[in-house]
Amino acid sequence: MKVCAYVAEIEVTLMEDDTGWSSYFSSEDAYKLDDVREALWQGDLEGQSAKYGRIFELRPVVRQ
């Protein structure tokens, strides 16, 4: 997930079925992603956002 200059690497479990709605993840994983997204928007880089995975900062390598 990317928010501003940050990317969060969060593990989720993709589920498959025969209903035509595949692939999807659980509501628990969706809430986890929402928590991380909200924390990143608030600038919380070490608390809630890092609770579920790794946080990276994106920086431009070449400027135009």
PDB file of N, CA and C in Angstrom:
ATOM      1  N   MET A   1       0.842  -1.151   0.000  1.00  0.00           N
ATOM      2  CA  MET A   1       0.000   0.000   0.000  1.00  0.00           C
ATOM      3  C   MET A   1       0.894   1.221   0.000  1.00  0.00           C
ATOM      4  N   LYS A   2       0.575   2.241  -0.813  1.00  0.00           N
ATOM      5  CA  LYS A   2       1.342   3.480  -0.884  1.00  0.00           C
ATOM      6  C   LYS A   2       0.501   4.621  -0.333  1.00  0.00           C
ATOM      7  N   VAL A   3       1.091   5.384   0.577  1.00  0.00           N
ATOM      8  CA  VAL A   3       0.465   6.586   1.126  1.00  0.00           C
ATOM      9  C   VAL A   3       1.521   7.672   1.122  1.00  0.00           C
ATOM     10  N   CYS A   4       1.288   8.726   0.347  1.00  0.00           N
ATOM     11  CA  CYS A   4       2.249   9.830   0.215  1.00  0.00           C
ATOM     12  C   CYS A   4       3.607   9.262  -0.192  1.00  0.00           C
ATOM     13  N   ALA A   5       4.634   9.515   0.602  1.00  0.00           N
ATOM     14  CA  ALA A   5       5.982   9.046   0.266  1.00  0.00           C
ATOM     15  C   ALA A   5       6.323   7.729   0.952  1.00  0.00           C
ATOM     16  N   TYR A   6       5.327   7.021   1.442  1.00  0.00           N
ATOM     17  CA  TYR A   6       5.576   5.792   2.194  1.00  0.00           C
ATOM     18  C   TYR A   6       4.866   4.599   1.560  1.00  0.00           C
ATOM     19  N   VAL A   7       5.501   3.453   1.700  1.00  0.00           N
ATOM     20  CA  VAL A   7       4.919   2.195   1.236  1.00  0.00           C
ATOM     21  C   VAL A   7       4.944   1.224   2.404  1.00  0.00           C
ATOM     22  N   ALA A   8       3.840   0.551   2.618  1.00  0.00           N
ATOM     23  CA  ALA A   8       3.761  -0.447   3.679  1.00  0.00           C
ATOM     24  C   ALA A   8       3.703  -1.833   3.049  1.00  0.00           C
ATOM     25  N   GLU A   9       4.532  -2.714   3.546  1.00  0.00           N
ATOM     26  CA  GLU A   9       4.531  -4.109   3.120  1.00  0.00           C
ATOM     27  C   GLU A   9       3.783  -4.898   4.197  1.00  0.00           C
ATOM     28  N   ILE A  10       2.543  -5.234   3.901  1.00  0.00           N
ATOM     29  CA  ILE A  10       1.660  -5.880   4.865  1.00  0.00           C
ATOM     30  C   ILE A  10       1.238  -7.238   4.316  1.00  0.00           C
ATOM     31  N   GLU A  11       1.395  -8.271   5.116  1.00  0.00           N
ATOM     32  CA  GLU A  11       1.006  -9.606   4.675  1.00  0.00           C
ATOM     33  C   GLU A  11      -0.501  -9.797   4.835  1.00  0.00           C
ATOM     34  N   VAL A  12      -1.145 -10.219   3.752  1.00  0.00           N
ATOM     35  CA  VAL A  12      -2.562 -10.573   3.775  1.00  0.00           C
ATOM     36  C   VAL A  12      -2.707 -11.944   3.120  1.00  0.00           C
ATOM     37  N   THR A  13      -3.800 -12.608   3.423  1.00  0.00           N
ATOM     38  CA  THR A  13      -4.067 -13.916   2.838  1.00  0.00           C
ATOM     39  C   THR A  13      -5.135 -13.767   1.770  1.00  0.00           C
ATOM     40  N   LEU A  14      -4.780 -14.105   0.528  1.00  0.00           N
ATOM     41  CA  LEU A  14      -5.756 -14.071  -0.557  1.00  0.00           C
ATOM     42  C   LEU A  14      -6.544 -15.368  -0.552  1.00  0.00           C
ATOM     43  N   MET A  15      -7.849 -15.234  -0.645  1.00  0.00           N
ATOM     44  CA  MET A  15      -8.724 -16.406  -0.646  1.00  0.00           C
ATOM     45  C   MET A  15      -9.329 -16.574  -2.035  1.00  0.00           C
ATOM     46  N   GLU A  16      -9.494 -17.794  -2.427  1.00  0.00           N
ATOM     47  CA  GLU A  16     -10.055 -18.139  -3.733  1.00  0.00           C
ATOM     48  C   GLU A  16     -11.302 -18.995  -3.526  1.00  0.00           C
ATOM     49  N   ASP A  17     -12.279 -18.819  -4.411  1.00  0.00           N
ATOM     50  CA  ASP A  17     -13.442 -19.704  -4.397  1.00  0.00           C
ATOM     51  C   ASP A  17     -14.025 -19.771  -5.799  1.00  0.00           C
ATOM     52  N   ASP A  18     -15.103 -20.476  -5.958  1.00  0.00           N
ATOM     53  CA  ASP A  18     -15.705 -20.684  -7.274  1.00  0.00           C
ATOM     54  C   ASP A  18     -16.881 -19.751  -7.545  1.00  0.00           C
ATOM     55  N   THR A  19     -17.055 -18.705  -6.747  1.00  0.00           N
ATOM     56  CA  THR A  19     -18.220 -17.838  -6.898  1.00  0.00           C
ATOM     57  C   THR A  19     -18.028 -16.721  -7.909  1.00  0.00           C
ATOM     58  N   GLY A  20     -16.811 -16.539  -8.409  1.00  0.00           N
ATOM     59  CA  GLY A  20     -16.562 -15.444  -9.331  1.00  0.00           C
ATOM     60  C   GLY A  20     -16.096 -14.178  -8.639  1.00  0.00           C
ATOM     61  N   TRP A  21     -16.014 -14.193  -7.325  1.00  0.00           N
ATOM     62  CA  TRP A  21     -15.561 -13.028  -6.561  1.00  0.00           C
ATOM     63  C   TRP A  21     -14.108 -13.182  -6.121  1.00  0.00           C
ATOM     64  N   SER A  22     -13.401 -14.141  -6.649  1.00  0.00           N
ATOM     65  CA  SER A  22     -12.009 -14.378  -6.249  1.00  0.00           C
ATOM     66  C   SER A  22     -11.099 -13.382  -6.956  1.00  0.00           C
ATOM     67  N   SER A  23     -10.012 -13.120  -6.503  1.00  0.00           N
ATOM     68  CA  SER A  23      -9.389 -13.319  -5.210  1.00  0.00           C
ATOM     69  C   SER A  23      -9.820 -12.193  -4.271  1.00  0.00           C
ATOM     70  N   TYR A  24      -9.920 -12.518  -3.020  1.00  0.00           N
ATOM     71  CA  TYR A  24     -10.312 -11.519  -2.029  1.00  0.00           C
ATOM     72  C   TYR A  24      -9.602 -11.835  -0.729  1.00  0.00           C
ATOM     73  N   PHE A  25      -9.663 -10.894   0.207  1.00  0.00           N
ATOM     74  CA  PHE A  25      -9.079 -11.156   1.516  1.00  0.00           C
ATOM     75  C   PHE A  25     -10.126 -10.926   2.583  1.00  0.00           C
ATOM     76  N   SER A  26      -9.824 -11.402   3.768  1.00  0.00           N
ATOM     77  CA  SER A  26     -10.789 -11.380   4.870  1.00  0.00           C
ATOM     78  C   SER A  26     -11.073  -9.957   5.337  1.00  0.00           C
ATOM     79  N   SER A  27     -12.181  -9.783   6.021  1.00  0.00           N
ATOM     80  CA  SER A  27     -12.494  -8.469   6.593  1.00  0.00           C
ATOM     81  C   SER A  27     -11.456  -8.088   7.641  1.00  0.00           C
ATOM     82  N   GLU A  28     -10.889  -9.075   8.328  1.00  0.00           N
ATOM     83  CA  GLU A  28      -9.818  -8.803   9.301  1.00  0.00           C
ATOM     84  C   GLU A  28      -8.605  -8.177   8.606  1.00  0.00           C
ATOM     85  N   ASP A  29      -8.221  -8.730   7.446  1.00  0.00           N
ATOM     86  CA  ASP A  29      -7.109  -8.158   6.685  1.00  0.00           C
ATOM     87  C   ASP A  29      -7.466  -6.767   6.157  1.00  0.00           C
ATOM     88  N   ALA A  30      -8.715  -6.576   5.747  1.00  0.00           N
ATOM     89  CA  ALA A  30      -9.147  -5.260   5.265  1.00  0.00           C
ATOM     90  C   ALA A  30      -9.049  -4.218   6.376  1.00  0.00           C
ATOM     91  N   TYR A  31      -9.472  -4.570   7.579  1.00  0.00           N
ATOM     92  CA  TYR A  31      -9.357  -3.642   8.715  1.00  0.00           C
ATOM     93  C   TYR A  31      -7.895  -3.357   9.049  1.00  0.00           C
ATOM     94  N   LYS A  32      -7.056  -4.367   8.928  1.00  0.00           N
ATOM     95  CA  LYS A  32      -5.626  -4.198   9.176  1.00  0.00           C
ATOM     96  C   LYS A  32      -5.051  -3.183   8.181  1.00  0.00           C
ATOM     97  N   LEU A  33      -5.391  -3.321   6.900  1.00  0.00           N
ATOM     98  CA  LEU A  33      -4.915  -2.380   5.885  1.00  0.00           C
ATOM     99  C   LEU A  33      -5.445  -0.972   6.139  1.00  0.00           C
ATOM    100  N   ASP A  34      -6.698  -0.856   6.547  1.00  0.00           N
ATOM    101  CA  ASP A  34      -7.260   0.457   6.886  1.00  0.00           C
ATOM    102  C   ASP A  34      -6.524   1.097   8.050  1.00  0.00           C
ATOM    103  N   ASP A  35      -6.197   0.308   9.071  1.00  0.00           N
ATOM    104  CA  ASP A  35      -5.454   0.831  10.222  1.00  0.00           C
ATOM    105  C   ASP A  35      -4.093   1.369   9.800  1.00  0.00           C
ATOM    106  N   VAL A  36      -3.401   0.615   8.960  1.00  0.00           N
ATOM    107  CA  VAL A  36      -2.075   1.034   8.497  1.00  0.00           C
ATOM    108  C   VAL A  36      -2.186   2.286   7.636  1.00  0.00           C
ATOM    109  N   ARG A  37      -3.151   2.311   6.715  1.00  0.00           N
ATOM    110  CA  ARG A  37      -3.333   3.477   5.850  1.00  0.00           C
ATOM    111  C   ARG A  37      -3.604   4.730   6.673  1.00  0.00           C
ATOM    112  N   GLU A  38      -4.492   4.631   7.634  1.00  0.00           N
ATOM    113  CA  GLU A  38      -4.832   5.774   8.488  1.00  0.00           C
ATOM    114  C   GLU A  38      -3.616   6.235   9.296  1.00  0.00           C
ATOM    115  N   ALA A  39      -2.858   5.287   9.833  1.00  0.00           N
ATOM    116  CA  ALA A  39      -1.667   5.640  10.614  1.00  0.00           C
ATOM    117  C   ALA A  39      -0.634   6.348   9.744  1.00  0.00           C
ATOM    118  N   LEU A  40      -0.452   5.885   8.514  1.00  0.00           N
ATOM    119  CA  LEU A  40       0.501   6.547   7.617  1.00  0.00           C
ATOM    120  C   LEU A  40       0.045   7.961   7.283  1.00  0.00           C
ATOM    121  N   TRP A  41      -1.243   8.154   7.046  1.00  0.00           N
ATOM    122  CA  TRP A  41      -1.764   9.496   6.775  1.00  0.00           C
ATOM    123  C   TRP A  41      -1.511  10.431   7.949  1.00  0.00           C
ATOM    124  N   GLN A  42      -1.529   9.899   9.157  1.00  0.00           N
ATOM    125  CA  GLN A  42      -1.308  10.711  10.352  1.00  0.00           C
ATOM    126  C   GLN A  42       0.171  10.871  10.680  1.00  0.00           C
ATOM    127  N   GLY A  43       1.047  10.246   9.888  1.00  0.00           N
ATOM    128  CA  GLY A  43       2.483  10.364  10.116  1.00  0.00           C
ATOM    129  C   GLY A  43       3.024   9.437  11.186  1.00  0.00           C
ATOM    130  N   ASP A  44       2.236   8.469  11.597  1.00  0.00           N
ATOM    131  CA  ASP A  44       2.648   7.506  12.623  1.00  0.00           C
ATOM    132  C   ASP A  44       3.466   6.402  11.955  1.00  0.00           C
ATOM    133  N   LEU A  45       4.778   6.590  11.891  1.00  0.00           N
ATOM    134  CA  LEU A  45       5.627   5.649  11.163  1.00  0.00           C
ATOM    135  C   LEU A  45       6.144   4.499  12.014  1.00  0.00           C
ATOM    136  N   GLU A  46       6.079   4.613  13.316  1.00  0.00           N
ATOM    137  CA  GLU A  46       6.639   3.568  14.166  1.00  0.00           C
ATOM    138  C   GLU A  46       5.592   2.858  15.023  1.00  0.00           C
ATOM    139  N   GLY A  47       4.412   3.396  15.125  1.00  0.00           N
ATOM    140  CA  GLY A  47       3.380   2.800  15.973  1.00  0.00           C
ATOM    141  C   GLY A  47       2.492   1.859  15.201  1.00  0.00           C
ATOM    142  N   GLN A  48       1.257   2.287  14.976  1.00  0.00           N
ATOM    143  CA  GLN A  48       0.237   1.453  14.339  1.00  0.00           C
ATOM    144  C   GLN A  48       0.633   1.035  12.923  1.00  0.00           C
ATOM    145  N   SER A  49       1.285   1.924  12.172  1.00  0.00           N
ATOM    146  CA  SER A  49       1.620   1.576  10.793  1.00  0.00           C
ATOM    147  C   SER A  49       2.645   0.448  10.725  1.00  0.00           C
ATOM    148  N   ALA A  50       3.573   0.404  11.668  1.00  0.00           N
ATOM    149  CA  ALA A  50       4.613  -0.630  11.663  1.00  0.00           C
ATOM    150  C   ALA A  50       4.191  -1.890  12.418  1.00  0.00           C
ATOM    151  N   LYS A  51       3.023  -1.872  13.011  1.00  0.00           N
ATOM    152  CA  LYS A  51       2.549  -3.012  13.813  1.00  0.00           C
ATOM    153  C   LYS A  51       2.368  -4.275  12.971  1.00  0.00           C
ATOM    154  N   TYR A  52       1.984  -4.118  11.707  1.00  0.00           N
ATOM    155  CA  TYR A  52       1.644  -5.259  10.868  1.00  0.00           C
ATOM    156  C   TYR A  52       2.670  -5.576   9.789  1.00  0.00           C
ATOM    157  N   GLY A  53       3.704  -4.762   9.651  1.00  0.00           N
ATOM    158  CA  GLY A  53       4.672  -5.029   8.596  1.00  0.00           C
ATOM    159  C   GLY A  53       5.747  -3.968   8.531  1.00  0.00           C
ATOM    160  N   ARG A  54       6.426  -3.924   7.404  1.00  0.00           N
ATOM    161  CA  ARG A  54       7.536  -2.998   7.220  1.00  0.00           C
ATOM    162  C   ARG A  54       7.068  -1.746   6.484  1.00  0.00           C
ATOM    163  N   ILE A  55       7.679  -0.612   6.838  1.00  0.00           N
ATOM    164  CA  ILE A  55       7.363   0.671   6.221  1.00  0.00           C
ATOM    165  C   ILE A  55       8.605   1.160   5.483  1.00  0.00           C
ATOM    166  N   PHE A  56       8.408   1.615   4.254  1.00  0.00           N
ATOM    167  CA  PHE A  56       9.499   2.124   3.431  1.00  0.00           C
ATOM    168  C   PHE A  56       9.196   3.562   3.037  1.00  0.00           C
ATOM    169  N   GLU A  57      10.247   4.351   2.872  1.00  0.00           N
ATOM    170  CA  GLU A  57      10.096   5.719   2.384  1.00  0.00           C
ATOM    171  C   GLU A  57      10.553   5.755   0.934  1.00  0.00           C
ATOM    172  N   LEU A  58       9.735   6.340   0.071  1.00  0.00           N
ATOM    173  CA  LEU A  58      10.079   6.473  -1.342  1.00  0.00           C
ATOM    174  C   LEU A  58      10.769   7.809  -1.565  1.00  0.00           C
ATOM    175  N   ARG A  59      11.899   7.756  -2.258  1.00  0.00           N
ATOM    176  CA  ARG A  59      12.611   8.986  -2.604  1.00  0.00           C
ATOM    177  C   ARG A  59      12.947   8.944  -4.083  1.00  0.00           C
ATOM    178  N   PRO A  60      12.814  10.063  -4.785  1.00  0.00           N
ATOM    179  CA  PRO A  60      13.176  10.080  -6.197  1.00  0.00           C
ATOM    180  C   PRO A  60      14.684   9.869  -6.368  1.00  0.00           C
ATOM    181  N   VAL A  61      15.038   9.103  -7.364  1.00  0.00           N
ATOM    182  CA  VAL A  61      16.446   8.865  -7.659  1.00  0.00           C
ATOM    183  C   VAL A  61      16.941   9.885  -8.671  1.00  0.00           C
ATOM    184  N   VAL A  62      16.116  10.178  -9.661  1.00  0.00           N
ATOM    185  CA  VAL A  62      16.463  11.147 -10.696  1.00  0.00           C
ATOM    186  C   VAL A  62      15.359  12.181 -10.763  1.00  0.00           C
ATOM    187  N   ARG A  63      15.734  13.421 -10.727  1.00  0.00           N
ATOM    188  CA  ARG A  63      14.747  14.503 -10.857  1.00  0.00           C
ATOM    189  C   ARG A  63      14.733  14.995 -12.294  1.00  0.00           C
ATOM    190  N   GLN A  64      13.559  15.335 -12.779  1.00  0.00           N
ATOM    191  CA  GLN A  64      13.434  15.831 -14.159  1.00  0.00           C
ATOM    192  C   GLN A  64      13.427  17.328 -14.188  1.00  0.00           C
TER     193      GLN A  64
END
